[in-house]
Amino acid sequence: METALLTILDVVRDWTSWLIEKGIPALIILIVGFLVGRIGGKYIAKFLDKVGLDDLIEKTVLGDIIKKSGYTVVQVIEILIRWFIYLIFIVWAVDVLAVEALTEVVSTIWAFIPRLIAAVVIGLVGIIAIDFFSDTLTKISEERKIEGGVILSTVLRYFLYLILVVLVLDQLKIETLILKDVIDNLILGLAIGVGAGVAGFLTISAWASREEISSLTSGLIQKGDGIISEGSKVRIDDLEGTVVRVGRAHTVLETEKGERIAIP
């Protein structure tokens, strides 16, 4: 009877010691982590909202995915920040508990967190930059009416997405050799096509700009050299009239019938 009582007392003493040294501190860490996560996530998300990060993300394909999920960009940012803070405190609490079976897991998580942060930053910056570049090409193509320009910008967008996926996977040190091999082969094939397309796009854009500059220069030379002045009578092929305005890009003639024609 006495031996059993001593055993019970030893168990109670060990349990009490564990609670004081590890259990209660770990619980306090989790409670503090919960509060910090809730408050920190809210205010950090508000700060990022004020600096305009949410607006940049909303304009990207990632923003479209978030909208379809029923959340706003700010809400998603707040949730991610909150759980990131939770993760830090959970790992800390587990480390305080000093459970041998979890020690290796904790070490792995601590080593993974910096890579995760870097991967998220690379992913966000990459998506924003890719969408901005592709949207700019699309806008130029539409303004200059370049045939195939919109298709090229779309292909280029997804080509750059593939490169971004490879960079993010590499940063996370995730062993996806088969996926990376497939992506590398796709990148190689697309690089040839996109390279040729970009070269053609730039050539067409340069030619279009050359035509505009040529037209502009023509108007300036005519006006500057006094070859044509307002009020002059001119005849061009079958067209005859009076110069009513000499502009930078066009010269306007008024025919005897009162019609006004811009040349060139």
C-alpha atoms as a PDB file:
ATOM      1  CA  MET A   1       0.000   0.000   0.000  1.00  0.00           C
ATOM      2  CA  GLU A   2       2.792   2.343   0.956  1.00  0.00           C
ATOM      3  CA  THR A   3       4.687   1.533  -2.261  1.00  0.00           C
ATOM      4  CA  ALA A   4       1.629   2.260  -4.409  1.00  0.00           C
ATOM      5  CA  LEU A   5       1.122   5.576  -2.629  1.00  0.00           C
ATOM      6  CA  LEU A   6       4.734   6.558  -3.231  1.00  0.00           C
ATOM      7  CA  THR A   7       4.376   5.667  -6.902  1.00  0.00           C
ATOM      8  CA  ILE A   8       1.281   7.856  -7.208  1.00  0.00           C
ATOM      9  CA  LEU A   9       3.080  10.719  -5.475  1.00  0.00           C
ATOM     10  CA  ASP A  10       6.038  10.347  -7.848  1.00  0.00           C
ATOM     11  CA  VAL A  11       3.702  10.484 -10.853  1.00  0.00           C
ATOM     12  CA  VAL A  12       1.918  13.549  -9.488  1.00  0.00           C
ATOM     13  CA  ARG A  13       5.247  15.214  -8.730  1.00  0.00           C
ATOM     14  CA  ASP A  14       6.618  14.479 -12.218  1.00  0.00           C
ATOM     15  CA  TRP A  15       3.384  15.635 -13.859  1.00  0.00           C
ATOM     16  CA  THR A  16       3.344  18.833 -11.791  1.00  0.00           C
ATOM     17  CA  SER A  17       6.989  19.487 -12.624  1.00  0.00           C
ATOM     18  CA  TRP A  18       6.297  18.938 -16.333  1.00  0.00           C
ATOM     19  CA  LEU A  19       3.330  21.311 -16.222  1.00  0.00           C
ATOM     20  CA  ILE A  20       5.327  24.046 -14.501  1.00  0.00           C
ATOM     21  CA  GLU A  21       8.443  23.686 -16.647  1.00  0.00           C
ATOM     22  CA  LYS A  22       6.919  22.859 -20.035  1.00  0.00           C
ATOM     23  CA  GLY A  23       3.153  22.463 -20.197  1.00  0.00           C
ATOM     24  CA  ILE A  24       2.069  25.845 -18.843  1.00  0.00           C
ATOM     25  CA  PRO A  25       4.787  27.823 -20.731  1.00  0.00           C
ATOM     26  CA  ALA A  26       3.781  26.060 -23.961  1.00  0.00           C
ATOM     27  CA  LEU A  27       0.117  26.880 -23.317  1.00  0.00           C
ATOM     28  CA  ILE A  28       0.984  30.532 -22.618  1.00  0.00           C
ATOM     29  CA  ILE A  29       2.967  30.670 -25.864  1.00  0.00           C
ATOM     30  CA  LEU A  30      -0.012  29.315 -27.808  1.00  0.00           C
ATOM     31  CA  ILE A  31      -2.396  31.838 -26.217  1.00  0.00           C
ATOM     32  CA  VAL A  32      -0.014  34.733 -26.913  1.00  0.00           C
ATOM     33  CA  GLY A  33       0.479  33.445 -30.456  1.00  0.00           C
ATOM     34  CA  PHE A  34      -3.271  33.352 -31.008  1.00  0.00           C
ATOM     35  CA  LEU A  35      -3.655  36.962 -29.841  1.00  0.00           C
ATOM     36  CA  VAL A  36      -0.632  38.192 -31.793  1.00  0.00           C
ATOM     37  CA  GLY A  37      -1.842  36.380 -34.897  1.00  0.00           C
ATOM     38  CA  ARG A  38      -5.324  37.890 -34.705  1.00  0.00           C
ATOM     39  CA  ILE A  39      -4.136  41.428 -34.011  1.00  0.00           C
ATOM     40  CA  GLY A  40      -1.000  41.307 -36.161  1.00  0.00           C
ATOM     41  CA  GLY A  41      -2.801  39.803 -39.144  1.00  0.00           C
ATOM     42  CA  LYS A  42      -5.458  42.508 -39.002  1.00  0.00           C
ATOM     43  CA  TYR A  43      -3.113  45.496 -38.775  1.00  0.00           C
ATOM     44  CA  ILE A  44      -0.462  44.202 -41.172  1.00  0.00           C
ATOM     45  CA  ALA A  45      -3.195  43.514 -43.742  1.00  0.00           C
ATOM     46  CA  LYS A  46      -4.500  47.071 -43.272  1.00  0.00           C
ATOM     47  CA  PHE A  47      -0.990  48.461 -43.765  1.00  0.00           C
ATOM     48  CA  LEU A  48      -0.475  46.456 -46.966  1.00  0.00           C
ATOM     49  CA  ASP A  49      -3.900  47.640 -48.114  1.00  0.00           C
ATOM     50  CA  LYS A  50      -2.875  51.276 -47.600  1.00  0.00           C
ATOM     51  CA  VAL A  51       0.375  50.873 -49.556  1.00  0.00           C
ATOM     52  CA  GLY A  52      -1.646  49.409 -52.446  1.00  0.00           C
ATOM     53  CA  LEU A  53      -0.470  45.787 -52.468  1.00  0.00           C
ATOM     54  CA  ASP A  54      -4.051  44.515 -52.678  1.00  0.00           C
ATOM     55  CA  ASP A  55      -4.722  46.704 -55.735  1.00  0.00           C
ATOM     56  CA  LEU A  56      -1.676  45.263 -57.508  1.00  0.00           C
ATOM     57  CA  ILE A  57      -2.748  41.693 -56.742  1.00  0.00           C
ATOM     58  CA  GLU A  58      -6.357  42.328 -57.827  1.00  0.00           C
ATOM     59  CA  LYS A  59      -5.128  43.165 -61.336  1.00  0.00           C
ATOM     60  CA  THR A  60      -3.395  39.799 -61.707  1.00  0.00           C
ATOM     61  CA  VAL A  61      -4.626  36.294 -62.458  1.00  0.00           C
ATOM     62  CA  LEU A  62      -4.149  35.529 -58.755  1.00  0.00           C
ATOM     63  CA  GLY A  63      -6.579  38.340 -57.934  1.00  0.00           C
ATOM     64  CA  ASP A  64      -9.173  36.806 -60.268  1.00  0.00           C
ATOM     65  CA  ILE A  65      -8.829  33.435 -58.525  1.00  0.00           C
ATOM     66  CA  ILE A  66      -9.267  35.057 -55.107  1.00  0.00           C
ATOM     67  CA  LYS A  67     -12.406  36.921 -56.232  1.00  0.00           C
ATOM     68  CA  LYS A  68     -13.963  33.698 -57.540  1.00  0.00           C
ATOM     69  CA  SER A  69     -13.379  32.066 -54.148  1.00  0.00           C
ATOM     70  CA  GLY A  70     -15.661  34.628 -52.501  1.00  0.00           C
ATOM     71  CA  TYR A  71     -12.924  36.365 -50.525  1.00  0.00           C
ATOM     72  CA  THR A  72     -11.309  39.759 -50.987  1.00  0.00           C
ATOM     73  CA  VAL A  73      -7.555  40.143 -51.444  1.00  0.00           C
ATOM     74  CA  VAL A  74      -7.286  41.890 -48.064  1.00  0.00           C
ATOM     75  CA  GLN A  75      -9.087  39.002 -46.331  1.00  0.00           C
ATOM     76  CA  VAL A  76      -6.762  36.432 -47.903  1.00  0.00           C
ATOM     77  CA  ILE A  77      -3.688  38.467 -46.935  1.00  0.00           C
ATOM     78  CA  GLU A  78      -4.971  38.723 -43.350  1.00  0.00           C
ATOM     79  CA  ILE A  79      -5.616  34.961 -43.152  1.00  0.00           C
ATOM     80  CA  LEU A  80      -2.164  34.110 -44.532  1.00  0.00           C
ATOM     81  CA  ILE A  81      -0.385  36.480 -42.153  1.00  0.00           C
ATOM     82  CA  ARG A  82      -2.449  35.228 -39.212  1.00  0.00           C
ATOM     83  CA  TRP A  83      -1.620  31.568 -39.877  1.00  0.00           C
ATOM     84  CA  PHE A  84       2.014  32.360 -40.539  1.00  0.00           C
ATOM     85  CA  ILE A  85       2.215  33.918 -37.058  1.00  0.00           C
ATOM     86  CA  TYR A  86       0.295  30.962 -35.601  1.00  0.00           C
ATOM     87  CA  LEU A  87       2.802  28.584 -37.189  1.00  0.00           C
ATOM     88  CA  ILE A  88       5.745  30.381 -35.604  1.00  0.00           C
ATOM     89  CA  PHE A  89       4.210  30.174 -32.115  1.00  0.00           C
ATOM     90  CA  ILE A  90       3.094  26.558 -32.576  1.00  0.00           C
ATOM     91  CA  VAL A  91       6.631  25.556 -33.516  1.00  0.00           C
ATOM     92  CA  TRP A  92       7.939  27.498 -30.524  1.00  0.00           C
ATOM     93  CA  ALA A  93       5.474  25.763 -28.173  1.00  0.00           C
ATOM     94  CA  VAL A  94       6.379  22.316 -29.493  1.00  0.00           C
ATOM     95  CA  ASP A  95      10.051  23.145 -29.018  1.00  0.00           C
ATOM     96  CA  VAL A  96       9.378  24.121 -25.379  1.00  0.00           C
ATOM     97  CA  LEU A  97       7.604  20.801 -24.786  1.00  0.00           C
ATOM     98  CA  ALA A  98      10.836  19.081 -25.887  1.00  0.00           C
ATOM     99  CA  VAL A  99       9.098  15.995 -27.216  1.00  0.00           C
ATOM    100  CA  GLU A 100      11.849  13.968 -28.861  1.00  0.00           C
ATOM    101  CA  ALA A 101       9.578  12.607 -31.581  1.00  0.00           C
ATOM    102  CA  LEU A 102       8.740  16.162 -32.668  1.00  0.00           C
ATOM    103  CA  THR A 103      12.237  17.653 -32.411  1.00  0.00           C
ATOM    104  CA  GLU A 104      13.207  16.710 -35.964  1.00  0.00           C
ATOM    105  CA  VAL A 105       9.868  17.931 -37.303  1.00  0.00           C
ATOM    106  CA  VAL A 106      10.315  21.272 -35.528  1.00  0.00           C
ATOM    107  CA  SER A 107      13.833  21.682 -36.933  1.00  0.00           C
ATOM    108  CA  THR A 108      12.563  20.953 -40.436  1.00  0.00           C
ATOM    109  CA  ILE A 109       9.748  23.500 -40.101  1.00  0.00           C
ATOM    110  CA  TRP A 110      12.102  26.200 -38.789  1.00  0.00           C
ATOM    111  CA  ALA A 111      14.424  25.616 -41.740  1.00  0.00           C
ATOM    112  CA  PHE A 112      11.492  25.682 -44.174  1.00  0.00           C
ATOM    113  CA  ILE A 113       9.964  28.999 -43.014  1.00  0.00           C
ATOM    114  CA  PRO A 114      12.616  31.307 -44.615  1.00  0.00           C
ATOM    115  CA  ARG A 115      12.321  29.417 -47.905  1.00  0.00           C
ATOM    116  CA  LEU A 116       8.533  29.702 -47.735  1.00  0.00           C
ATOM    117  CA  ILE A 117       8.738  33.480 -47.221  1.00  0.00           C
ATOM    118  CA  ALA A 118      11.172  33.848 -50.121  1.00  0.00           C
ATOM    119  CA  ALA A 119       8.965  31.692 -52.372  1.00  0.00           C
ATOM    120  CA  VAL A 120       5.858  33.757 -51.546  1.00  0.00           C
ATOM    121  CA  VAL A 121       7.702  37.021 -52.258  1.00  0.00           C
ATOM    122  CA  ILE A 122       9.098  35.686 -55.545  1.00  0.00           C
ATOM    123  CA  GLY A 123       5.663  34.403 -56.537  1.00  0.00           C
ATOM    124  CA  LEU A 124       3.819  37.655 -55.778  1.00  0.00           C
ATOM    125  CA  VAL A 125       6.411  39.939 -57.371  1.00  0.00           C
ATOM    126  CA  GLY A 126       6.672  37.614 -60.363  1.00  0.00           C
ATOM    127  CA  ILE A 127       2.913  37.464 -60.972  1.00  0.00           C
ATOM    128  CA  ILE A 128       2.543  41.250 -60.670  1.00  0.00           C
ATOM    129  CA  ALA A 129       5.483  41.896 -63.024  1.00  0.00           C
ATOM    130  CA  ILE A 130       4.370  39.292 -65.583  1.00  0.00           C
ATOM    131  CA  ASP A 131       0.793  40.560 -65.716  1.00  0.00           C
ATOM    132  CA  PHE A 132       1.938  44.180 -65.993  1.00  0.00           C
ATOM    133  CA  PHE A 133       4.323  43.337 -68.854  1.00  0.00           C
ATOM    134  CA  SER A 134       1.759  41.185 -70.688  1.00  0.00           C
ATOM    135  CA  ASP A 135      -1.029  43.754 -70.264  1.00  0.00           C
ATOM    136  CA  THR A 136       1.286  46.442 -71.648  1.00  0.00           C
ATOM    137  CA  LEU A 137       2.021  44.329 -74.738  1.00  0.00           C
ATOM    138  CA  THR A 138      -1.696  43.662 -75.193  1.00  0.00           C
ATOM    139  CA  LYS A 139      -2.495  47.377 -74.961  1.00  0.00           C
ATOM    140  CA  ILE A 140       0.213  48.276 -77.493  1.00  0.00           C
ATOM    141  CA  SER A 141      -1.033  45.560 -79.858  1.00  0.00           C
ATOM    142  CA  GLU A 142      -4.611  46.823 -79.663  1.00  0.00           C
ATOM    143  CA  GLU A 143      -3.620  50.476 -80.105  1.00  0.00           C
ATOM    144  CA  ARG A 144      -1.396  49.773 -83.117  1.00  0.00           C
ATOM    145  CA  LYS A 145      -3.723  47.063 -84.440  1.00  0.00           C
ATOM    146  CA  ILE A 146      -0.838  44.601 -84.714  1.00  0.00           C
ATOM    147  CA  GLU A 147      -2.123  41.293 -86.024  1.00  0.00           C
ATOM    148  CA  GLY A 148      -1.378  38.444 -83.638  1.00  0.00           C
ATOM    149  CA  GLY A 149      -0.033  40.786 -80.964  1.00  0.00           C
ATOM    150  CA  VAL A 150      -2.712  39.897 -78.410  1.00  0.00           C
ATOM    151  CA  ILE A 151      -2.146  36.173 -78.952  1.00  0.00           C
ATOM    152  CA  LEU A 152       1.592  36.674 -78.579  1.00  0.00           C
ATOM    153  CA  SER A 153       1.190  38.543 -75.287  1.00  0.00           C
ATOM    154  CA  THR A 154      -1.063  35.756 -73.948  1.00  0.00           C
ATOM    155  CA  VAL A 155       1.428  33.046 -74.926  1.00  0.00           C
ATOM    156  CA  LEU A 156       4.254  35.085 -73.413  1.00  0.00           C
ATOM    157  CA  ARG A 157       2.275  35.503 -70.180  1.00  0.00           C
ATOM    158  CA  TYR A 158       1.907  31.745 -69.632  1.00  0.00           C
ATOM    159  CA  PHE A 159       5.462  31.117 -70.779  1.00  0.00           C
ATOM    160  CA  LEU A 160       6.696  33.442 -68.022  1.00  0.00           C
ATOM    161  CA  TYR A 161       4.316  31.769 -65.555  1.00  0.00           C
ATOM    162  CA  LEU A 162       6.064  28.457 -66.257  1.00  0.00           C
ATOM    163  CA  ILE A 163       9.439  30.014 -65.533  1.00  0.00           C
ATOM    164  CA  LEU A 164       8.029  31.476 -62.312  1.00  0.00           C
ATOM    165  CA  VAL A 165       6.733  28.053 -61.223  1.00  0.00           C
ATOM    166  CA  VAL A 166      10.214  26.589 -61.696  1.00  0.00           C
ATOM    167  CA  LEU A 167      11.775  29.415 -59.656  1.00  0.00           C
ATOM    168  CA  VAL A 168       9.274  28.988 -56.810  1.00  0.00           C
ATOM    169  CA  LEU A 169       9.712  25.192 -56.722  1.00  0.00           C
ATOM    170  CA  ASP A 170      13.469  25.608 -56.717  1.00  0.00           C
ATOM    171  CA  GLN A 171      13.251  28.083 -53.836  1.00  0.00           C
ATOM    172  CA  LEU A 172      11.102  25.666 -51.818  1.00  0.00           C
ATOM    173  CA  LYS A 173      13.608  22.875 -52.516  1.00  0.00           C
ATOM    174  CA  ILE A 174      10.731  20.586 -53.432  1.00  0.00           C
ATOM    175  CA  GLU A 175      11.830  17.453 -55.258  1.00  0.00           C
ATOM    176  CA  THR A 176       9.646  17.589 -58.348  1.00  0.00           C
ATOM    177  CA  LEU A 177      12.175  16.427 -60.902  1.00  0.00           C
ATOM    178  CA  ILE A 178       9.592  15.015 -63.318  1.00  0.00           C
ATOM    179  CA  LEU A 179       7.499  18.189 -63.224  1.00  0.00           C
ATOM    180  CA  LYS A 180      10.575  20.376 -63.648  1.00  0.00           C
ATOM    181  CA  ASP A 181      11.765  18.252 -66.588  1.00  0.00           C
ATOM    182  CA  VAL A 182       8.382  18.659 -68.281  1.00  0.00           C
ATOM    183  CA  ILE A 183       8.383  22.403 -67.619  1.00  0.00           C
ATOM    184  CA  ASP A 184      11.978  22.739 -68.844  1.00  0.00           C
ATOM    185  CA  ASN A 185      11.060  21.022 -72.120  1.00  0.00           C
ATOM    186  CA  LEU A 186       7.999  23.251 -72.515  1.00  0.00           C
ATOM    187  CA  ILE A 187      10.107  26.320 -71.818  1.00  0.00           C
ATOM    188  CA  LEU A 188      12.662  25.264 -74.423  1.00  0.00           C
ATOM    189  CA  GLY A 189       9.980  24.792 -77.063  1.00  0.00           C
ATOM    190  CA  LEU A 190       8.109  27.951 -76.177  1.00  0.00           C
ATOM    191  CA  ALA A 191      11.314  29.987 -75.998  1.00  0.00           C
ATOM    192  CA  ILE A 192      11.919  29.444 -79.695  1.00  0.00           C
ATOM    193  CA  GLY A 193       8.355  30.354 -80.637  1.00  0.00           C
ATOM    194  CA  VAL A 194       8.076  33.282 -78.250  1.00  0.00           C
ATOM    195  CA  GLY A 195      11.492  34.584 -79.240  1.00  0.00           C
ATOM    196  CA  ALA A 196      10.495  34.637 -82.892  1.00  0.00           C
ATOM    197  CA  GLY A 197       7.156  36.190 -82.007  1.00  0.00           C
ATOM    198  CA  VAL A 198       8.697  38.933 -79.880  1.00  0.00           C
ATOM    199  CA  ALA A 199      11.183  39.719 -82.630  1.00  0.00           C
ATOM    200  CA  GLY A 200       8.333  40.036 -85.112  1.00  0.00           C
ATOM    201  CA  PHE A 201       6.302  42.112 -82.668  1.00  0.00           C
ATOM    202  CA  LEU A 202       9.170  44.543 -82.101  1.00  0.00           C
ATOM    203  CA  THR A 203       9.828  44.772 -85.839  1.00  0.00           C
ATOM    204  CA  ILE A 204       6.189  45.594 -86.592  1.00  0.00           C
ATOM    205  CA  SER A 205       6.049  48.097 -83.731  1.00  0.00           C
ATOM    206  CA  ALA A 206       9.228  49.766 -84.940  1.00  0.00           C
ATOM    207  CA  TRP A 207       7.873  49.951 -88.492  1.00  0.00           C
ATOM    208  CA  ALA A 208       4.603  51.457 -87.279  1.00  0.00           C
ATOM    209  CA  SER A 209       6.508  54.017 -85.243  1.00  0.00           C
ATOM    210  CA  ARG A 210       8.689  54.773 -88.248  1.00  0.00           C
ATOM    211  CA  GLU A 211       5.622  55.514 -90.349  1.00  0.00           C
ATOM    212  CA  GLU A 212       4.275  57.856 -87.681  1.00  0.00           C
ATOM    213  CA  ILE A 213       7.610  59.627 -87.299  1.00  0.00           C
ATOM    214  CA  SER A 214       7.941  59.914 -91.066  1.00  0.00           C
ATOM    215  CA  SER A 215       4.510  61.518 -91.286  1.00  0.00           C
ATOM    216  CA  LEU A 216       5.284  63.861 -88.412  1.00  0.00           C
ATOM    217  CA  THR A 217       8.664  64.840 -89.854  1.00  0.00           C
ATOM    218  CA  SER A 218       7.108  65.473 -93.235  1.00  0.00           C
ATOM    219  CA  GLY A 219       4.691  67.992 -91.772  1.00  0.00           C
ATOM    220  CA  LEU A 220       7.432  69.742 -89.828  1.00  0.00           C
ATOM    221  CA  ILE A 221       9.754  70.011 -92.847  1.00  0.00           C
ATOM    222  CA  GLN A 222       7.040  71.362 -95.069  1.00  0.00           C
ATOM    223  CA  LYS A 223       6.094  73.990 -92.540  1.00  0.00           C
ATOM    224  CA  GLY A 224       9.639  74.858 -91.491  1.00  0.00           C
ATOM    225  CA  ASP A 225      11.112  75.236 -94.985  1.00  0.00           C
ATOM    226  CA  GLY A 226       8.221  77.312 -96.255  1.00  0.00           C
ATOM    227  CA  ILE A 227       7.481  74.899 -99.056  1.00  0.00           C
ATOM    228  CA  ILE A 228       3.814  74.996 -98.163  1.00  0.00           C
ATOM    229  CA  SER A 229       2.110  77.728 -96.168  1.00  0.00           C
ATOM    230  CA  GLU A 230      -1.466  78.440 -95.239  1.00  0.00           C
ATOM    231  CA  GLY A 231      -3.349  80.141 -98.072  1.00  0.00           C
ATOM    232  CA  SER A 232      -1.166  78.580-100.774  1.00  0.00           C
ATOM    233  CA  LYS A 233      -2.798  77.100-103.871  1.00  0.00           C
ATOM    234  CA  VAL A 234      -1.564  73.570-104.495  1.00  0.00           C
ATOM    235  CA  ARG A 235      -2.298  70.735-106.880  1.00  0.00           C
ATOM    236  CA  ILE A 236      -1.538  67.105-106.053  1.00  0.00           C
ATOM    237  CA  ASP A 237      -2.405  64.659-108.843  1.00  0.00           C
ATOM    238  CA  ASP A 238      -6.121  65.267-109.506  1.00  0.00           C
ATOM    239  CA  LEU A 239      -6.589  67.129-106.235  1.00  0.00           C
ATOM    240  CA  GLU A 240      -6.473  70.931-106.207  1.00  0.00           C
ATOM    241  CA  GLY A 241      -7.255  73.315-103.392  1.00  0.00           C
ATOM    242  CA  THR A 242      -6.143  75.901-100.872  1.00  0.00           C
ATOM    243  CA  VAL A 243      -4.011  75.055 -97.851  1.00  0.00           C
ATOM    244  CA  VAL A 244      -6.034  75.982 -94.755  1.00  0.00           C
ATOM    245  CA  ARG A 245      -3.772  74.411 -92.157  1.00  0.00           C
ATOM    246  CA  VAL A 246      -0.265  72.988 -92.009  1.00  0.00           C
ATOM    247  CA  GLY A 247      -0.006  70.668 -89.029  1.00  0.00           C
ATOM    248  CA  ARG A 248       2.780  68.521 -87.686  1.00  0.00           C
ATOM    249  CA  ALA A 249       1.330  65.308 -89.028  1.00  0.00           C
ATOM    250  CA  HIS A 250      -1.095  66.454 -91.733  1.00  0.00           C
ATOM    251  CA  THR A 251      -1.680  69.281 -94.170  1.00  0.00           C
ATOM    252  CA  VAL A 252      -5.339  70.187 -94.729  1.00  0.00           C
ATOM    253  CA  LEU A 253      -6.587  71.305 -98.149  1.00  0.00           C
ATOM    254  CA  GLU A 254      -9.934  72.903 -98.933  1.00  0.00           C
ATOM    255  CA  THR A 255     -11.248  72.217-102.427  1.00  0.00           C
ATOM    256  CA  GLU A 256     -13.382  74.563-104.515  1.00  0.00           C
ATOM    257  CA  LYS A 257     -16.431  72.569-103.400  1.00  0.00           C
ATOM    258  CA  GLY A 258     -15.634  73.351 -99.766  1.00  0.00           C
ATOM    259  CA  GLU A 259     -14.420  69.844 -98.922  1.00  0.00           C
ATOM    260  CA  ARG A 260     -11.499  69.554 -96.537  1.00  0.00           C
ATOM    261  CA  ILE A 261      -8.953  66.792 -97.104  1.00  0.00           C
ATOM    262  CA  ALA A 262      -6.017  65.837 -94.855  1.00  0.00           C
ATOM    263  CA  ILE A 263      -2.700  65.034 -96.587  1.00  0.00           C
ATOM    264  CA  PRO A 264      -0.910  62.696 -96.177  1.00  0.00           C
END
